């Protein structure tokens, strides 16, 4: 699975246009596999839909993506407090056939990203950062992720928050975290 974003303009435009046209024609003459899942809890509900198509003819340079076997549209429709939001994402994939494994892979990836961002925010207070200029936000984000990786790797039986606190107070412990010593 590889998310198709605006940093690949021709690919993104081709995939978005393909699905826009196919949906407008209700996928007539397009062999498509679909999947839909509904989750509810904490006062909100989410409907996730996935469409998987093996037709790669409209993509720019399909051979460039080794193992490419399909394109996917994943849509998440959220209902919360009387409001509805909808997010669409496009992916290219080496998975073929059924849409369910694609939908599950995308969902797992979202979970990993959400968990990483939650830990960065709660433990390293990333959302509280006031740094907004030039390359500083990206550089600090990289340092936070690197720090989180070092803290998680250390074998001490403490939470990341506890290890961070101890490293702030104890030069020897901080050296062990940084240099990988138990």
Foldseek 3Di string as FASTA:
>chain_A
DAWDDCVPVQQVVQLVVVVVVCVVVPNVVFDKAKDWDWDDDPQKIKIKMKIKGQDPVSGPPPVVDPLWRIKMKIKIWMDHPNDIDIDIIIDTDSDDDHRVVVSVVVVVVVVVVVVVVVCCCPQVVLVPDPDDDDCVNVVVVVVSVVLLVLLVLAPPPDDSNVLVVVVVVDVVSVCCSVVVND
